[in-house]
Amino acid sequence: MTTDMTRRPLTLAVLGATGMVGSRVITEAAARGHRVLALSRRPADGRPAVTPLAVDATDPPAVRRALAGPAAHGPADAVVLTVRTEPVDQDFLVGATRTVLDAAARLGVRVLVVGGAGALRSPGAPGRLVADDPAYVPAAIRPVALAGIAQLRACQDHPYTDWVYLCPPALLAPGERTGRYRRGADTLLTAPDGRSWISAEDLATAVLDELEDPGPERLITVVHDG
């Protein structure tokens, strides 16, 4: 899936800007001519059209100020939440998600959460979540998958409704940008080679496509297609 639609430049806030996904979302957004607010505890991006801002995801006033944007530009059009912790910290992840939704609700900002594959249905067993399927989630990483489910539930339980939760496939890793991916809803997808994977660069492409041309679903996923 790709999009060549010409759209007005957006102001996008990316929380988790220095991470694997966040940094690639920023690269993709800047390449498309959008303005980016790069939010992280230790901002390091100073490219044209990218404004680095020091923001702690656990600080609600700081998040709200960042989404409001500099006075000259006004609030962000959307915020992309890409934060993760190592080791996994479910309480932090859920708290950061609620903080972003609270701030977005006050400002009317769209939210895109890059979550985890664990919240999807297993393709061979629709009654089972990926987090509960050892074929995709070995015991060692199950806490990560469960944290993603808790994050999705935090979105579903929040009164603000202008959000979308994007699940990557089972494997997400740095790679190349091909611009080729397939989009789905609540079930894990596999690529033509049988694997469930996508590059971080193509995931970023999917993030920007969704922000520029939103679909009707709240829970979506993508997989490499090519």
C-alpha atoms as a PDB file:
ATOM      1  CA  MET A   1       0.000   0.000   0.000  1.00  0.00           C
ATOM      2  CA  THR A   2       1.298   3.429  -0.905  1.00  0.00           C
ATOM      3  CA  THR A   3      -0.206   6.864  -1.276  1.00  0.00           C
ATOM      4  CA  ASP A   4       0.729   9.594  -3.729  1.00  0.00           C
ATOM      5  CA  MET A   5      -1.986  11.981  -2.618  1.00  0.00           C
ATOM      6  CA  THR A   6      -0.975  15.624  -2.328  1.00  0.00           C
ATOM      7  CA  ARG A   7      -1.974  16.974   1.062  1.00  0.00           C
ATOM      8  CA  ARG A   8      -1.382  20.085   3.089  1.00  0.00           C
ATOM      9  CA  PRO A   9       1.700  19.998   5.332  1.00  0.00           C
ATOM     10  CA  LEU A  10       0.895  18.774   8.821  1.00  0.00           C
ATOM     11  CA  THR A  11       2.481  19.545  12.159  1.00  0.00           C
ATOM     12  CA  LEU A  12       3.251  16.196  13.777  1.00  0.00           C
ATOM     13  CA  ALA A  13       4.474  15.608  17.307  1.00  0.00           C
ATOM     14  CA  VAL A  14       6.484  12.398  17.686  1.00  0.00           C
ATOM     15  CA  LEU A  15       6.917  11.185  21.262  1.00  0.00           C
ATOM     16  CA  GLY A  16       9.803   8.752  21.511  1.00  0.00           C
ATOM     17  CA  ALA A  17      11.615  10.626  18.784  1.00  0.00           C
ATOM     18  CA  THR A  18      15.040   9.057  19.283  1.00  0.00           C
ATOM     19  CA  GLY A  19      13.840   5.420  19.225  1.00  0.00           C
ATOM     20  CA  MET A  20      13.914   2.983  16.321  1.00  0.00           C
ATOM     21  CA  VAL A  21      10.378   3.741  15.175  1.00  0.00           C
ATOM     22  CA  GLY A  22      10.158   7.376  16.229  1.00  0.00           C
ATOM     23  CA  SER A  23      13.329   8.406  14.421  1.00  0.00           C
ATOM     24  CA  ARG A  24      12.098   6.804  11.204  1.00  0.00           C
ATOM     25  CA  VAL A  25       8.680   8.398  11.501  1.00  0.00           C
ATOM     26  CA  ILE A  26      10.456  11.749  11.730  1.00  0.00           C
ATOM     27  CA  THR A  27      12.551  10.987   8.639  1.00  0.00           C
ATOM     28  CA  GLU A  28       9.473   9.955   6.658  1.00  0.00           C
ATOM     29  CA  ALA A  29       7.435  12.950   7.812  1.00  0.00           C
ATOM     30  CA  ALA A  30      10.193  15.433   6.981  1.00  0.00           C
ATOM     31  CA  ALA A  31      10.680  13.847   3.553  1.00  0.00           C
ATOM     32  CA  ARG A  32       6.981  14.427   2.835  1.00  0.00           C
ATOM     33  CA  GLY A  33       7.220  18.083   3.744  1.00  0.00           C
ATOM     34  CA  HIS A  34       5.559  17.946   7.148  1.00  0.00           C
ATOM     35  CA  ARG A  35       6.714  19.912  10.172  1.00  0.00           C
ATOM     36  CA  VAL A  36       7.834  17.750  13.089  1.00  0.00           C
ATOM     37  CA  LEU A  37       8.039  18.311  16.828  1.00  0.00           C
ATOM     38  CA  ALA A  38      10.560  15.692  17.989  1.00  0.00           C
ATOM     39  CA  LEU A  39       9.746  14.958  21.634  1.00  0.00           C
ATOM     40  CA  SER A  40      12.089  12.956  23.845  1.00  0.00           C
ATOM     41  CA  ARG A  41      13.853  13.183  27.183  1.00  0.00           C
ATOM     42  CA  ARG A  42      17.140  13.895  25.427  1.00  0.00           C
ATOM     43  CA  PRO A  43      16.313  15.583  22.112  1.00  0.00           C
ATOM     44  CA  ALA A  44      18.966  15.236  19.457  1.00  0.00           C
ATOM     45  CA  ASP A  45      17.348  16.092  16.123  1.00  0.00           C
ATOM     46  CA  GLY A  46      17.965  19.456  14.508  1.00  0.00           C
ATOM     47  CA  ARG A  47      17.176  18.867  10.836  1.00  0.00           C
ATOM     48  CA  PRO A  48      15.243  21.468   8.846  1.00  0.00           C
ATOM     49  CA  ALA A  49      11.517  21.332   9.648  1.00  0.00           C
ATOM     50  CA  VAL A  50      12.284  19.278  12.791  1.00  0.00           C
ATOM     51  CA  THR A  51      12.026  20.999  16.169  1.00  0.00           C
ATOM     52  CA  PRO A  52      13.571  19.005  19.049  1.00  0.00           C
ATOM     53  CA  LEU A  53      11.839  19.410  22.396  1.00  0.00           C
ATOM     54  CA  ALA A  54      12.790  17.927  25.772  1.00  0.00           C
ATOM     55  CA  VAL A  55       9.653  16.209  27.079  1.00  0.00           C
ATOM     56  CA  ASP A  56       9.120  13.541  29.725  1.00  0.00           C
ATOM     57  CA  ALA A  57       6.154  11.346  28.789  1.00  0.00           C
ATOM     58  CA  THR A  58       5.225  11.077  32.473  1.00  0.00           C
ATOM     59  CA  ASP A  59       4.869  14.871  32.852  1.00  0.00           C
ATOM     60  CA  PRO A  60       1.303  15.816  31.787  1.00  0.00           C
ATOM     61  CA  PRO A  61       1.840  19.621  31.695  1.00  0.00           C
ATOM     62  CA  ALA A  62       4.998  19.187  29.604  1.00  0.00           C
ATOM     63  CA  VAL A  63       3.227  16.884  27.157  1.00  0.00           C
ATOM     64  CA  ARG A  64       0.311  19.299  26.882  1.00  0.00           C
ATOM     65  CA  ARG A  65       2.624  22.255  26.244  1.00  0.00           C
ATOM     66  CA  ALA A  66       4.521  20.311  23.595  1.00  0.00           C
ATOM     67  CA  LEU A  67       1.354  19.330  21.741  1.00  0.00           C
ATOM     68  CA  ALA A  68       0.170  22.936  21.915  1.00  0.00           C
ATOM     69  CA  GLY A  69       3.277  23.789  19.900  1.00  0.00           C
ATOM     70  CA  PRO A  70       5.186  27.067  19.661  1.00  0.00           C
ATOM     71  CA  ALA A  71       2.946  30.121  19.679  1.00  0.00           C
ATOM     72  CA  ALA A  72       3.859  30.961  16.087  1.00  0.00           C
ATOM     73  CA  HIS A  73       2.571  27.636  14.750  1.00  0.00           C
ATOM     74  CA  GLY A  74      -0.265  26.533  17.027  1.00  0.00           C
ATOM     75  CA  PRO A  75      -1.084  22.988  18.143  1.00  0.00           C
ATOM     76  CA  ALA A  76       0.033  19.835  16.409  1.00  0.00           C
ATOM     77  CA  ASP A  77      -2.360  18.204  13.968  1.00  0.00           C
ATOM     78  CA  ALA A  78      -1.468  14.758  15.312  1.00  0.00           C
ATOM     79  CA  VAL A  79       0.789  13.046  17.812  1.00  0.00           C
ATOM     80  CA  VAL A  80       2.562   9.732  17.214  1.00  0.00           C
ATOM     81  CA  LEU A  81       3.331   7.803  20.394  1.00  0.00           C
ATOM     82  CA  THR A  82       6.250   5.403  19.886  1.00  0.00           C
ATOM     83  CA  VAL A  83       7.720   5.093  23.393  1.00  0.00           C
ATOM     84  CA  ARG A  84       9.030   1.749  24.647  1.00  0.00           C
ATOM     85  CA  THR A  85      11.181   0.737  27.605  1.00  0.00           C
ATOM     86  CA  GLU A  86      13.855  -1.891  28.101  1.00  0.00           C
ATOM     87  CA  PRO A  87      13.148  -3.810  30.248  1.00  0.00           C
ATOM     88  CA  VAL A  88       9.411  -3.513  29.696  1.00  0.00           C
ATOM     89  CA  ASP A  89       7.561  -1.214  32.103  1.00  0.00           C
ATOM     90  CA  GLN A  90       3.824  -1.684  31.656  1.00  0.00           C
ATOM     91  CA  ASP A  91       2.860   0.981  34.171  1.00  0.00           C
ATOM     92  CA  PHE A  92       5.007   3.571  32.383  1.00  0.00           C
ATOM     93  CA  LEU A  93       3.619   2.617  28.979  1.00  0.00           C
ATOM     94  CA  VAL A  94       0.002   2.800  30.115  1.00  0.00           C
ATOM     95  CA  GLY A  95       0.617   6.027  32.023  1.00  0.00           C
ATOM     96  CA  ALA A  96       2.308   7.702  29.058  1.00  0.00           C
ATOM     97  CA  THR A  97      -0.541   6.653  26.790  1.00  0.00           C
ATOM     98  CA  ARG A  98      -3.164   8.111  29.118  1.00  0.00           C
ATOM     99  CA  THR A  99      -1.153  11.307  29.448  1.00  0.00           C
ATOM    100  CA  VAL A 100      -1.009  11.739  25.676  1.00  0.00           C
ATOM    101  CA  LEU A 101      -4.724  11.004  25.274  1.00  0.00           C
ATOM    102  CA  ASP A 102      -5.586  13.482  28.039  1.00  0.00           C
ATOM    103  CA  ALA A 103      -3.514  16.221  26.387  1.00  0.00           C
ATOM    104  CA  ALA A 104      -4.810  15.405  22.918  1.00  0.00           C
ATOM    105  CA  ALA A 105      -8.409  15.553  24.151  1.00  0.00           C
ATOM    106  CA  ARG A 106      -7.914  19.078  25.468  1.00  0.00           C
ATOM    107  CA  LEU A 107      -6.383  20.258  22.189  1.00  0.00           C
ATOM    108  CA  GLY A 108      -8.366  18.212  19.678  1.00  0.00           C
ATOM    109  CA  VAL A 109      -5.245  16.449  18.383  1.00  0.00           C
ATOM    110  CA  ARG A 110      -5.388  13.087  16.595  1.00  0.00           C
ATOM    111  CA  VAL A 111      -3.384  10.289  18.261  1.00  0.00           C
ATOM    112  CA  LEU A 112      -1.603   7.415  16.539  1.00  0.00           C
ATOM    113  CA  VAL A 113      -0.127   4.843  18.921  1.00  0.00           C
ATOM    114  CA  VAL A 114       2.508   2.451  17.594  1.00  0.00           C
ATOM    115  CA  GLY A 115       1.821  -0.566  19.759  1.00  0.00           C
ATOM    116  CA  GLY A 116       2.707  -4.242  19.704  1.00  0.00           C
ATOM    117  CA  ALA A 117       1.577  -7.324  17.802  1.00  0.00           C
ATOM    118  CA  GLY A 118       0.416  -9.090  20.970  1.00  0.00           C
ATOM    119  CA  ALA A 119      -2.959  -7.330  20.866  1.00  0.00           C
ATOM    120  CA  LEU A 120      -3.845  -8.882  17.488  1.00  0.00           C
ATOM    121  CA  ARG A 121      -5.703 -12.139  16.876  1.00  0.00           C
ATOM    122  CA  SER A 122      -3.571 -15.116  15.916  1.00  0.00           C
ATOM    123  CA  PRO A 123      -4.088 -15.912  12.202  1.00  0.00           C
ATOM    124  CA  GLY A 124      -4.540 -19.651  12.784  1.00  0.00           C
ATOM    125  CA  ALA A 125      -6.751 -19.329  15.860  1.00  0.00           C
ATOM    126  CA  PRO A 126      -9.088 -16.297  15.774  1.00  0.00           C
ATOM    127  CA  GLY A 127     -10.119 -16.888  19.385  1.00  0.00           C
ATOM    128  CA  ARG A 128      -6.534 -16.512  20.594  1.00  0.00           C
ATOM    129  CA  LEU A 129      -4.478 -13.348  20.870  1.00  0.00           C
ATOM    130  CA  VAL A 130      -0.959 -13.323  19.494  1.00  0.00           C
ATOM    131  CA  ALA A 131       0.296 -12.683  23.035  1.00  0.00           C
ATOM    132  CA  ASP A 132      -1.066 -16.110  24.003  1.00  0.00           C
ATOM    133  CA  ASP A 133       0.313 -17.935  20.970  1.00  0.00           C
ATOM    134  CA  PRO A 134       3.818 -19.354  21.563  1.00  0.00           C
ATOM    135  CA  ALA A 135       4.244 -19.726  17.808  1.00  0.00           C
ATOM    136  CA  TYR A 136       4.679 -15.950  17.685  1.00  0.00           C
ATOM    137  CA  VAL A 137       5.419 -14.913  21.272  1.00  0.00           C
ATOM    138  CA  PRO A 138       7.873 -17.051  23.246  1.00  0.00           C
ATOM    139  CA  ALA A 139       7.601 -16.927  27.026  1.00  0.00           C
ATOM    140  CA  ALA A 140      10.644 -14.660  27.341  1.00  0.00           C
ATOM    141  CA  ILE A 141       8.962 -11.754  25.543  1.00  0.00           C
ATOM    142  CA  ARG A 142       5.382 -12.321  26.682  1.00  0.00           C
ATOM    143  CA  PRO A 143       5.571  -9.441  29.216  1.00  0.00           C
ATOM    144  CA  VAL A 144       6.236  -7.104  26.268  1.00  0.00           C
ATOM    145  CA  ALA A 145       3.176  -8.443  24.460  1.00  0.00           C
ATOM    146  CA  LEU A 146       1.012  -8.091  27.569  1.00  0.00           C
ATOM    147  CA  ALA A 147       2.144  -4.491  28.011  1.00  0.00           C
ATOM    148  CA  GLY A 148       0.958  -3.765  24.490  1.00  0.00           C
ATOM    149  CA  ILE A 149      -2.452  -5.217  25.282  1.00  0.00           C
ATOM    150  CA  ALA A 150      -2.675  -3.047  28.393  1.00  0.00           C
ATOM    151  CA  GLN A 151      -1.762  -0.030  26.281  1.00  0.00           C
ATOM    152  CA  LEU A 152      -4.527  -0.783  23.777  1.00  0.00           C
ATOM    153  CA  ARG A 153      -7.037  -1.176  26.610  1.00  0.00           C
ATOM    154  CA  ALA A 154      -5.968   2.207  27.970  1.00  0.00           C
ATOM    155  CA  CYS A 155      -6.923   3.687  24.599  1.00  0.00           C
ATOM    156  CA  GLN A 156     -10.217   1.806  24.461  1.00  0.00           C
ATOM    157  CA  ASP A 157     -11.150   2.868  27.990  1.00  0.00           C
ATOM    158  CA  HIS A 158     -10.338   6.548  27.438  1.00  0.00           C
ATOM    159  CA  PRO A 159     -13.241   8.920  26.701  1.00  0.00           C
ATOM    160  CA  TYR A 160     -11.297  10.564  23.866  1.00  0.00           C
ATOM    161  CA  THR A 161     -12.041   8.784  20.600  1.00  0.00           C
ATOM    162  CA  ASP A 162      -9.758  10.338  17.962  1.00  0.00           C
ATOM    163  CA  TRP A 163      -7.033   7.696  18.110  1.00  0.00           C
ATOM    164  CA  VAL A 164      -5.750   4.729  16.133  1.00  0.00           C
ATOM    165  CA  TYR A 165      -3.608   1.868  17.443  1.00  0.00           C
ATOM    166  CA  LEU A 166      -1.135   0.515  14.889  1.00  0.00           C
ATOM    167  CA  CYS A 167       0.260  -2.958  15.560  1.00  0.00           C
ATOM    168  CA  PRO A 168       3.410  -3.994  13.747  1.00  0.00           C
ATOM    169  CA  PRO A 169       3.689  -7.624  12.647  1.00  0.00           C
ATOM    170  CA  ALA A 170       5.534 -10.221  14.718  1.00  0.00           C
ATOM    171  CA  LEU A 171       8.985  -9.028  13.606  1.00  0.00           C
ATOM    172  CA  LEU A 172       9.967  -5.369  13.361  1.00  0.00           C
ATOM    173  CA  ALA A 173      13.570  -4.439  12.646  1.00  0.00           C
ATOM    174  CA  PRO A 174      15.639  -1.762  10.906  1.00  0.00           C
ATOM    175  CA  GLY A 175      15.868  -2.324   7.176  1.00  0.00           C
ATOM    176  CA  GLU A 176      15.055  -0.525   3.960  1.00  0.00           C
ATOM    177  CA  ARG A 177      12.148   1.599   2.859  1.00  0.00           C
ATOM    178  CA  THR A 178      10.333  -0.172   0.039  1.00  0.00           C
ATOM    179  CA  GLY A 179       6.984   1.581   0.372  1.00  0.00           C
ATOM    180  CA  ARG A 180       5.295  -1.800  -0.063  1.00  0.00           C
ATOM    181  CA  TYR A 181       3.084  -3.114   2.693  1.00  0.00           C
ATOM    182  CA  ARG A 182      -0.335  -4.664   3.221  1.00  0.00           C
ATOM    183  CA  ARG A 183      -2.804  -3.206   5.711  1.00  0.00           C
ATOM    184  CA  GLY A 184      -5.152  -5.177   7.919  1.00  0.00           C
ATOM    185  CA  ALA A 185      -7.334  -4.785  10.996  1.00  0.00           C
ATOM    186  CA  ASP A 186      -7.331  -6.943  14.136  1.00  0.00           C
ATOM    187  CA  THR A 187      -5.563 -10.116  12.899  1.00  0.00           C
ATOM    188  CA  LEU A 188      -1.826 -10.675  12.503  1.00  0.00           C
ATOM    189  CA  LEU A 189      -0.744 -10.677   8.863  1.00  0.00           C
ATOM    190  CA  THR A 190       1.974 -12.667   7.145  1.00  0.00           C
ATOM    191  CA  ALA A 191       4.074 -11.639   4.168  1.00  0.00           C
ATOM    192  CA  PRO A 192       4.213 -13.587   0.885  1.00  0.00           C
ATOM    193  CA  ASP A 193       7.272 -15.432   2.203  1.00  0.00           C
ATOM    194  CA  GLY A 194       5.219 -16.731   5.143  1.00  0.00           C
ATOM    195  CA  ARG A 195       6.870 -14.542   7.744  1.00  0.00           C
ATOM    196  CA  SER A 196       5.144 -11.832   9.736  1.00  0.00           C
ATOM    197  CA  TRP A 197       7.548  -8.920   9.407  1.00  0.00           C
ATOM    198  CA  ILE A 198       8.159  -5.376   8.255  1.00  0.00           C
ATOM    199  CA  SER A 199      11.065  -2.953   8.307  1.00  0.00           C
ATOM    200  CA  ALA A 200      10.916   0.000  10.674  1.00  0.00           C
ATOM    201  CA  GLU A 201      11.210   2.221   7.604  1.00  0.00           C
ATOM    202  CA  ASP A 202       8.092   0.741   5.990  1.00  0.00           C
ATOM    203  CA  LEU A 203       6.232   0.899   9.300  1.00  0.00           C
ATOM    204  CA  ALA A 204       6.989   4.617   9.325  1.00  0.00           C
ATOM    205  CA  THR A 205       5.588   4.822   5.807  1.00  0.00           C
ATOM    206  CA  ALA A 206       2.385   3.211   7.060  1.00  0.00           C
ATOM    207  CA  VAL A 207       2.219   5.668   9.969  1.00  0.00           C
ATOM    208  CA  LEU A 208       2.376   8.659   7.635  1.00  0.00           C
ATOM    209  CA  ASP A 209      -0.078   7.131   5.171  1.00  0.00           C
ATOM    210  CA  GLU A 210      -2.575   6.640   7.993  1.00  0.00           C
ATOM    211  CA  LEU A 211      -2.148  10.201   9.247  1.00  0.00           C
ATOM    212  CA  GLU A 212      -2.518  11.681   5.774  1.00  0.00           C
ATOM    213  CA  ASP A 213      -5.436   9.462   4.764  1.00  0.00           C
ATOM    214  CA  PRO A 214      -7.083   7.963   7.881  1.00  0.00           C
ATOM    215  CA  GLY A 215      -9.024   4.731   7.638  1.00  0.00           C
ATOM    216  CA  PRO A 216     -12.183   3.874   9.596  1.00  0.00           C
ATOM    217  CA  GLU A 217     -10.648   1.321  11.982  1.00  0.00           C
ATOM    218  CA  ARG A 218      -9.230   2.024  15.438  1.00  0.00           C
ATOM    219  CA  LEU A 219      -7.040  -1.101  15.487  1.00  0.00           C
ATOM    220  CA  ILE A 220      -4.886  -1.704  12.420  1.00  0.00           C
ATOM    221  CA  THR A 221      -1.811  -3.669  11.446  1.00  0.00           C
ATOM    222  CA  VAL A 222       0.576  -3.883   8.513  1.00  0.00           C
ATOM    223  CA  VAL A 223       3.010  -6.378   7.016  1.00  0.00           C
ATOM    224  CA  HIS A 224       5.656  -6.291   4.298  1.00  0.00           C
ATOM    225  CA  ASP A 225       4.228  -6.917   0.826  1.00  0.00           C
ATOM    226  CA  GLY A 226       6.714  -7.620  -1.918  1.00  0.00           C
END
